[in-house]
């Protein structure tokens, strides 16, 4: 599966989440670094699942392959994984039907995500509950600048 050619007037930046199964984004910028599109997604490597949370392209930029290319970039992070999307508008259904034909990957609307992707129960919640700052136990634990 080769991604479509990148439209020449834009460039893509990946925003990677450092937590497992955290949200990631592909941000699409024009030649003046103004955002013209964004695709938010999650990937859980242990469960081999991907979920597209949302995709948006500004009206003047639609129909130029920007969203398609962003989906291909997301799929590359979870190649061979099962994918789903959030609820889809009628335009979204047409877009993801075309993407299914192009990529051979199913994108069911409202598909289930694994527990690792749920911010209430997954790794995110465990990290929020974990105490990462502790008080120094003695003078050796203090930074030299700390009184």
N, C-alpha and C. Protein backbone atom coordinates (compact mmCIF):
# COMPACT_ATOMS: atom_id res chain seq x y z
N UNK A 1 0.85 -1.17 0.00
CA UNK A 1 0.00 0.00 0.00
C UNK A 1 0.89 1.24 0.00
N UNK A 2 0.89 1.96 -1.08
CA UNK A 2 1.66 3.19 -1.17
C UNK A 2 0.75 4.37 -0.93
N UNK A 3 1.18 5.31 -0.08
CA UNK A 3 0.34 6.49 0.15
C UNK A 3 0.28 7.33 -1.12
N UNK A 4 -0.80 8.12 -1.23
CA UNK A 4 -0.88 8.99 -2.40
C UNK A 4 0.22 10.04 -2.35
N UNK A 5 0.49 10.62 -3.49
CA UNK A 5 1.49 11.69 -3.53
C UNK A 5 1.02 12.84 -2.65
N UNK A 6 1.95 13.41 -1.92
CA UNK A 6 1.62 14.51 -1.03
C UNK A 6 1.32 15.75 -1.86
N UNK A 7 0.21 16.43 -1.55
CA UNK A 7 -0.07 17.68 -2.26
C UNK A 7 1.09 18.65 -2.04
N UNK A 8 1.55 19.36 -3.08
CA UNK A 8 2.76 20.17 -2.97
C UNK A 8 2.63 21.41 -2.11
N UNK A 9 1.42 21.89 -1.85
CA UNK A 9 1.27 23.16 -1.14
C UNK A 9 1.21 23.01 0.37
N UNK A 10 1.33 21.79 0.88
CA UNK A 10 1.23 21.59 2.32
C UNK A 10 2.37 20.71 2.81
N UNK A 11 2.57 20.72 4.12
CA UNK A 11 3.49 19.77 4.73
C UNK A 11 2.84 19.21 5.98
N UNK A 12 3.31 18.07 6.41
CA UNK A 12 2.70 17.33 7.50
C UNK A 12 3.65 17.27 8.68
N UNK A 13 3.10 17.40 9.87
CA UNK A 13 3.88 17.23 11.09
C UNK A 13 3.15 16.23 11.96
N UNK A 14 3.89 15.29 12.51
CA UNK A 14 3.30 14.32 13.42
C UNK A 14 3.46 14.80 14.85
N UNK A 15 2.39 14.72 15.59
CA UNK A 15 2.43 15.02 17.01
C UNK A 15 2.25 13.69 17.70
N UNK A 16 3.31 13.21 18.33
CA UNK A 16 3.29 11.88 18.93
C UNK A 16 3.02 11.96 20.42
N UNK A 17 2.17 11.10 20.88
CA UNK A 17 1.88 10.97 22.30
C UNK A 17 2.92 10.03 22.88
N UNK A 18 3.44 10.35 24.05
CA UNK A 18 4.48 9.52 24.64
C UNK A 18 3.91 8.35 25.43
N UNK A 19 2.64 8.40 25.78
CA UNK A 19 2.03 7.31 26.54
C UNK A 19 1.53 6.23 25.59
N UNK A 20 1.58 4.97 26.01
CA UNK A 20 1.02 3.91 25.16
C UNK A 20 -0.47 4.17 24.93
N UNK A 21 -0.92 3.98 23.72
CA UNK A 21 -2.32 4.14 23.31
C UNK A 21 -2.83 5.56 23.51
N UNK A 22 -1.93 6.52 23.64
CA UNK A 22 -2.34 7.91 23.78
C UNK A 22 -2.73 8.50 22.44
N UNK A 23 -3.35 9.66 22.49
CA UNK A 23 -3.74 10.34 21.26
C UNK A 23 -2.51 10.86 20.53
N UNK A 24 -2.58 10.77 19.24
CA UNK A 24 -1.54 11.28 18.35
C UNK A 24 -2.24 12.16 17.33
N UNK A 25 -1.48 12.92 16.60
CA UNK A 25 -2.09 13.76 15.57
C UNK A 25 -1.15 13.91 14.39
N UNK A 26 -1.74 14.03 13.24
CA UNK A 26 -1.04 14.46 12.04
C UNK A 26 -1.62 15.83 11.73
N UNK A 27 -0.80 16.86 11.81
CA UNK A 27 -1.23 18.23 11.57
C UNK A 27 -0.76 18.63 10.18
N UNK A 28 -1.68 19.19 9.40
CA UNK A 28 -1.37 19.60 8.03
C UNK A 28 -1.27 21.13 8.01
N UNK A 29 -0.14 21.62 7.51
CA UNK A 29 0.14 23.06 7.50
C UNK A 29 0.36 23.54 6.08
N UNK A 30 -0.08 24.76 5.79
CA UNK A 30 0.18 25.32 4.47
C UNK A 30 1.58 25.92 4.42
N UNK A 31 1.94 26.55 3.33
CA UNK A 31 3.30 27.07 3.17
C UNK A 31 3.62 28.20 4.14
N UNK A 32 2.60 28.80 4.76
CA UNK A 32 2.81 29.83 5.79
C UNK A 32 2.68 29.27 7.21
N UNK A 33 2.72 27.95 7.33
CA UNK A 33 2.59 27.24 8.62
C UNK A 33 1.25 27.47 9.30
N UNK A 34 0.21 27.72 8.53
CA UNK A 34 -1.15 27.80 9.08
C UNK A 34 -1.78 26.42 8.98
N UNK A 35 -2.46 26.00 10.03
CA UNK A 35 -3.07 24.68 10.04
C UNK A 35 -4.26 24.66 9.09
N UNK A 36 -4.25 23.69 8.16
CA UNK A 36 -5.35 23.53 7.22
C UNK A 36 -6.04 22.18 7.39
N UNK A 37 -5.49 21.34 8.24
CA UNK A 37 -6.10 20.04 8.49
C UNK A 37 -5.47 19.35 9.67
N UNK A 38 -6.18 18.35 10.19
CA UNK A 38 -5.67 17.59 11.32
C UNK A 38 -6.36 16.23 11.36
N UNK A 39 -5.61 15.21 11.68
CA UNK A 39 -6.16 13.88 11.91
C UNK A 39 -5.68 13.44 13.29
N UNK A 40 -6.63 13.17 14.19
CA UNK A 40 -6.29 12.67 15.53
C UNK A 40 -6.58 11.18 15.55
N UNK A 41 -5.66 10.42 16.16
CA UNK A 41 -5.84 8.98 16.21
C UNK A 41 -5.15 8.40 17.43
N UNK A 42 -5.47 7.15 17.72
CA UNK A 42 -4.84 6.38 18.79
C UNK A 42 -4.40 5.04 18.21
N UNK A 43 -3.28 4.53 18.73
CA UNK A 43 -2.79 3.21 18.35
C UNK A 43 -2.40 2.48 19.63
N UNK A 44 -2.87 1.25 19.78
CA UNK A 44 -2.46 0.41 20.90
C UNK A 44 -1.68 -0.77 20.31
N UNK A 45 -0.37 -0.75 20.52
CA UNK A 45 0.47 -1.81 19.96
C UNK A 45 0.22 -3.16 20.63
N UNK A 46 0.04 -3.23 21.98
CA UNK A 46 -0.21 -4.55 22.57
C UNK A 46 -1.49 -5.21 22.03
N UNK A 47 -2.53 -4.41 21.75
CA UNK A 47 -3.80 -4.96 21.27
C UNK A 47 -3.91 -4.94 19.75
N UNK A 48 -2.94 -4.31 19.08
CA UNK A 48 -2.93 -4.21 17.62
C UNK A 48 -4.22 -3.57 17.09
N UNK A 49 -4.57 -2.44 17.72
CA UNK A 49 -5.76 -1.69 17.33
C UNK A 49 -5.41 -0.25 17.05
N UNK A 50 -6.11 0.34 16.09
CA UNK A 50 -6.00 1.76 15.81
C UNK A 50 -7.39 2.37 15.77
N UNK A 51 -7.48 3.63 16.15
CA UNK A 51 -8.77 4.32 16.16
C UNK A 51 -8.57 5.75 15.68
N UNK A 52 -9.31 6.14 14.65
CA UNK A 52 -9.27 7.52 14.18
C UNK A 52 -10.33 8.29 14.93
N UNK A 53 -9.87 9.24 15.73
CA UNK A 53 -10.77 10.02 16.58
C UNK A 53 -11.45 11.14 15.80
N UNK A 54 -10.77 11.67 14.81
CA UNK A 54 -11.34 12.74 14.01
C UNK A 54 -10.41 13.16 12.90
N UNK A 55 -10.99 13.60 11.81
CA UNK A 55 -10.22 14.14 10.69
C UNK A 55 -10.96 15.36 10.17
N UNK A 56 -10.21 16.42 9.95
CA UNK A 56 -10.81 17.66 9.46
C UNK A 56 -9.84 18.33 8.50
N UNK A 57 -10.38 18.84 7.41
CA UNK A 57 -9.61 19.62 6.45
C UNK A 57 -10.43 20.86 6.13
N UNK A 58 -9.79 22.02 6.17
CA UNK A 58 -10.47 23.28 5.88
C UNK A 58 -11.11 23.23 4.49
N UNK A 59 -12.28 23.83 4.37
CA UNK A 59 -13.05 23.77 3.11
C UNK A 59 -12.23 24.07 1.85
N UNK A 60 -11.45 25.15 1.81
CA UNK A 60 -10.73 25.42 0.56
C UNK A 60 -9.70 24.36 0.19
N UNK A 61 -9.31 23.52 1.14
CA UNK A 61 -8.28 22.52 0.92
C UNK A 61 -8.86 21.12 0.67
N UNK A 62 -10.16 20.97 0.78
CA UNK A 62 -10.76 19.65 0.60
C UNK A 62 -10.68 19.21 -0.86
N UNK A 63 -10.66 17.89 -1.04
CA UNK A 63 -10.62 17.33 -2.38
C UNK A 63 -9.25 17.30 -3.02
N UNK A 64 -8.21 17.59 -2.25
CA UNK A 64 -6.85 17.62 -2.79
C UNK A 64 -5.99 16.46 -2.28
N UNK A 65 -6.59 15.52 -1.56
CA UNK A 65 -5.84 14.36 -1.07
C UNK A 65 -5.16 14.57 0.28
N UNK A 66 -5.44 15.68 0.93
CA UNK A 66 -4.79 15.97 2.21
C UNK A 66 -5.23 14.99 3.29
N UNK A 67 -6.53 14.77 3.42
CA UNK A 67 -7.03 13.82 4.41
C UNK A 67 -6.58 12.40 4.10
N UNK A 68 -6.59 12.05 2.82
CA UNK A 68 -6.14 10.72 2.40
C UNK A 68 -4.70 10.48 2.83
N UNK A 69 -3.85 11.45 2.56
CA UNK A 69 -2.44 11.29 2.91
C UNK A 69 -2.27 11.18 4.43
N UNK A 70 -3.03 11.96 5.19
CA UNK A 70 -2.96 11.89 6.66
C UNK A 70 -3.38 10.51 7.16
N UNK A 71 -4.41 9.93 6.56
CA UNK A 71 -4.84 8.57 6.96
C UNK A 71 -3.72 7.58 6.67
N UNK A 72 -3.07 7.70 5.54
CA UNK A 72 -1.96 6.79 5.23
C UNK A 72 -0.83 6.93 6.24
N UNK A 73 -0.56 8.15 6.69
CA UNK A 73 0.48 8.34 7.70
C UNK A 73 0.08 7.67 9.02
N UNK A 74 -1.18 7.77 9.40
CA UNK A 74 -1.65 7.11 10.63
C UNK A 74 -1.58 5.59 10.48
N UNK A 75 -2.02 5.08 9.35
CA UNK A 75 -1.99 3.63 9.13
C UNK A 75 -0.58 3.08 9.20
N UNK A 76 0.40 3.86 8.80
CA UNK A 76 1.78 3.40 8.84
C UNK A 76 2.25 3.15 10.28
N UNK A 77 1.68 3.87 11.23
CA UNK A 77 2.04 3.68 12.65
C UNK A 77 1.49 2.35 13.16
N UNK A 78 0.34 1.94 12.65
CA UNK A 78 -0.28 0.68 13.07
C UNK A 78 -0.55 -0.21 11.87
N UNK A 79 0.47 -0.48 11.09
CA UNK A 79 0.31 -1.29 9.88
C UNK A 79 -0.19 -2.68 10.24
N UNK A 80 -1.22 -3.12 9.56
CA UNK A 80 -1.77 -4.44 9.79
C UNK A 80 -2.71 -4.53 10.98
N UNK A 81 -2.95 -3.44 11.67
CA UNK A 81 -3.83 -3.44 12.83
C UNK A 81 -5.29 -3.33 12.38
N UNK A 82 -6.21 -3.67 13.28
CA UNK A 82 -7.63 -3.43 13.05
C UNK A 82 -7.90 -1.98 13.41
N UNK A 83 -8.64 -1.26 12.56
CA UNK A 83 -8.90 0.16 12.76
C UNK A 83 -10.39 0.41 12.89
N UNK A 84 -10.74 1.48 13.57
CA UNK A 84 -12.11 1.95 13.66
C UNK A 84 -12.09 3.47 13.67
N UNK A 85 -13.25 4.06 13.62
CA UNK A 85 -13.35 5.52 13.67
C UNK A 85 -14.42 5.91 14.67
N UNK A 86 -14.42 7.19 15.01
CA UNK A 86 -15.52 7.72 15.81
C UNK A 86 -16.76 7.76 14.91
N UNK A 87 -17.87 8.22 15.44
CA UNK A 87 -19.08 8.32 14.62
C UNK A 87 -18.78 9.19 13.40
N UNK A 88 -19.38 8.85 12.29
CA UNK A 88 -19.07 9.52 11.03
C UNK A 88 -20.27 10.31 10.52
N UNK A 89 -19.98 11.49 10.01
CA UNK A 89 -20.99 12.28 9.30
C UNK A 89 -21.23 11.63 7.94
N UNK A 90 -22.18 12.14 7.18
CA UNK A 90 -22.41 11.56 5.85
C UNK A 90 -21.18 11.77 4.96
N UNK A 91 -20.52 12.93 5.07
CA UNK A 91 -19.29 13.16 4.31
C UNK A 91 -18.19 12.22 4.80
N UNK A 92 -18.14 11.99 6.11
CA UNK A 92 -17.16 11.07 6.68
C UNK A 92 -17.37 9.65 6.20
N UNK A 93 -18.63 9.23 6.09
CA UNK A 93 -18.91 7.88 5.60
C UNK A 93 -18.42 7.72 4.16
N UNK A 94 -18.65 8.74 3.34
CA UNK A 94 -18.16 8.67 1.95
C UNK A 94 -16.63 8.61 1.93
N UNK A 95 -15.99 9.44 2.76
CA UNK A 95 -14.53 9.48 2.82
C UNK A 95 -13.97 8.13 3.26
N UNK A 96 -14.51 7.57 4.35
CA UNK A 96 -13.95 6.31 4.85
C UNK A 96 -14.30 5.12 3.96
N UNK A 97 -15.41 5.18 3.24
CA UNK A 97 -15.70 4.13 2.25
C UNK A 97 -14.65 4.15 1.15
N UNK A 98 -14.29 5.36 0.69
CA UNK A 98 -13.24 5.49 -0.33
C UNK A 98 -11.89 5.02 0.23
N UNK A 99 -11.61 5.33 1.51
CA UNK A 99 -10.35 4.91 2.13
C UNK A 99 -10.30 3.40 2.29
N UNK A 100 -11.44 2.77 2.59
CA UNK A 100 -11.48 1.31 2.69
C UNK A 100 -11.13 0.69 1.34
N UNK A 101 -11.71 1.24 0.26
CA UNK A 101 -11.42 0.72 -1.08
C UNK A 101 -9.95 0.92 -1.44
N UNK A 102 -9.40 2.07 -1.06
CA UNK A 102 -8.02 2.39 -1.42
C UNK A 102 -6.99 1.60 -0.62
N UNK A 103 -7.26 1.40 0.68
CA UNK A 103 -6.26 0.79 1.56
C UNK A 103 -6.51 -0.69 1.86
N UNK A 104 -7.73 -1.16 1.64
CA UNK A 104 -8.07 -2.53 2.02
C UNK A 104 -8.25 -2.68 3.52
N UNK A 105 -8.33 -1.56 4.24
CA UNK A 105 -8.51 -1.56 5.69
C UNK A 105 -9.94 -1.13 6.00
N UNK A 106 -10.62 -1.87 6.86
CA UNK A 106 -11.97 -1.49 7.28
C UNK A 106 -11.90 -0.37 8.32
N UNK A 107 -12.83 0.56 8.23
CA UNK A 107 -12.93 1.67 9.18
C UNK A 107 -14.35 1.73 9.73
N UNK A 108 -14.74 0.76 10.56
CA UNK A 108 -16.11 0.79 11.08
C UNK A 108 -16.34 2.01 11.97
N UNK A 109 -17.51 2.61 11.80
CA UNK A 109 -17.88 3.78 12.59
C UNK A 109 -18.23 3.37 14.01
N UNK A 110 -17.73 4.13 14.97
CA UNK A 110 -18.03 3.84 16.37
C UNK A 110 -17.46 2.52 16.84
N UNK A 111 -16.42 2.05 16.19
CA UNK A 111 -15.81 0.78 16.55
C UNK A 111 -15.27 0.79 17.97
N UNK A 112 -15.13 -0.39 18.51
CA UNK A 112 -14.67 -0.50 19.88
C UNK A 112 -13.18 -0.22 19.97
N UNK A 113 -12.82 0.43 21.05
CA UNK A 113 -11.42 0.67 21.36
C UNK A 113 -11.06 -0.24 22.52
N UNK A 114 -9.79 -0.52 22.64
CA UNK A 114 -9.35 -1.38 23.75
C UNK A 114 -9.33 -0.57 25.05
N UNK A 115 -9.29 -1.24 26.19
CA UNK A 115 -9.27 -0.53 27.47
C UNK A 115 -8.07 0.40 27.63
N UNK A 116 -6.96 0.11 26.94
CA UNK A 116 -5.79 0.98 27.04
C UNK A 116 -6.04 2.36 26.46
N UNK A 117 -7.00 2.47 25.55
CA UNK A 117 -7.32 3.74 24.90
C UNK A 117 -8.29 4.59 25.70
N UNK A 118 -8.90 4.02 26.72
CA UNK A 118 -9.90 4.73 27.52
C UNK A 118 -9.19 5.54 28.59
N UNK A 119 -9.32 6.88 28.57
CA UNK A 119 -8.61 7.70 29.56
C UNK A 119 -9.09 7.48 30.99
N UNK A 120 -10.26 6.87 31.17
CA UNK A 120 -10.77 6.62 32.53
C UNK A 120 -10.20 5.35 33.14
N UNK A 121 -9.85 4.37 32.28
CA UNK A 121 -9.42 3.09 32.82
C UNK A 121 -8.08 2.62 32.31
N UNK A 122 -7.59 3.20 31.25
CA UNK A 122 -6.36 2.73 30.62
C UNK A 122 -5.11 3.24 31.30
N UNK A 123 -4.01 3.18 30.56
CA UNK A 123 -2.72 3.59 31.08
C UNK A 123 -2.72 5.04 31.51
N UNK A 124 -3.53 5.88 30.84
CA UNK A 124 -3.59 7.29 31.20
C UNK A 124 -4.02 7.46 32.66
N UNK A 125 -5.07 6.74 33.05
CA UNK A 125 -5.57 6.86 34.42
C UNK A 125 -4.53 6.37 35.41
N UNK A 126 -3.85 5.30 35.08
CA UNK A 126 -2.82 4.78 35.99
C UNK A 126 -1.70 5.79 36.17
N UNK A 127 -1.32 6.44 35.10
CA UNK A 127 -0.26 7.44 35.21
C UNK A 127 -0.70 8.66 35.99
N UNK A 128 -1.98 9.06 35.85
CA UNK A 128 -2.47 10.21 36.62
C UNK A 128 -2.50 9.89 38.11
N UNK A 129 -2.81 8.64 38.46
CA UNK A 129 -2.90 8.27 39.88
C UNK A 129 -1.53 8.08 40.50
N UNK A 130 -0.52 7.83 39.71
CA UNK A 130 0.81 7.55 40.22
C UNK A 130 1.44 8.84 40.75
N UNK A 131 1.98 8.78 41.94
CA UNK A 131 2.65 9.94 42.51
C UNK A 131 4.08 9.97 41.98
N UNK A 132 4.40 11.02 41.23
CA UNK A 132 5.72 11.07 40.61
C UNK A 132 6.64 12.07 41.30
N UNK A 133 6.12 12.89 42.18
CA UNK A 133 6.94 13.85 42.90
C UNK A 133 6.96 13.43 44.35
N UNK A 134 8.14 13.39 44.93
CA UNK A 134 8.23 13.03 46.34
C UNK A 134 9.05 14.08 47.06
N UNK A 135 8.82 14.20 48.31
CA UNK A 135 9.60 15.13 49.14
C UNK A 135 10.96 14.50 49.41
N UNK A 136 12.02 15.31 49.45
CA UNK A 136 13.34 14.77 49.78
C UNK A 136 13.33 14.16 51.18
N UNK A 137 13.98 13.01 51.30
CA UNK A 137 14.00 12.33 52.59
C UNK A 137 15.12 12.85 53.50
N UNK A 138 16.19 13.32 52.93
CA UNK A 138 17.26 13.89 53.74
C UNK A 138 18.03 14.90 52.89
N UNK A 139 19.04 15.51 53.46
CA UNK A 139 19.77 16.56 52.75
C UNK A 139 20.47 16.05 51.50
N UNK A 140 20.83 14.77 51.45
CA UNK A 140 21.50 14.25 50.26
C UNK A 140 20.56 14.20 49.06
N UNK A 141 19.24 14.13 49.31
CA UNK A 141 18.26 14.09 48.24
C UNK A 141 17.95 15.47 47.68
N UNK A 142 18.38 16.51 48.36
CA UNK A 142 18.05 17.86 47.92
C UNK A 142 19.05 18.34 46.88
N UNK A 143 18.56 19.15 45.95
CA UNK A 143 19.45 19.80 45.00
C UNK A 143 20.29 20.81 45.75
N UNK A 144 21.52 21.09 45.30
CA UNK A 144 22.35 22.06 46.00
C UNK A 144 21.69 23.44 46.09
N UNK A 145 20.85 23.81 45.09
CA UNK A 145 20.22 25.12 45.12
C UNK A 145 19.05 25.19 46.11
N UNK A 146 18.56 24.03 46.55
CA UNK A 146 17.40 24.01 47.43
C UNK A 146 17.83 24.34 48.85
N UNK A 147 17.20 25.34 49.50
CA UNK A 147 17.61 25.67 50.88
C UNK A 147 17.23 24.59 51.87
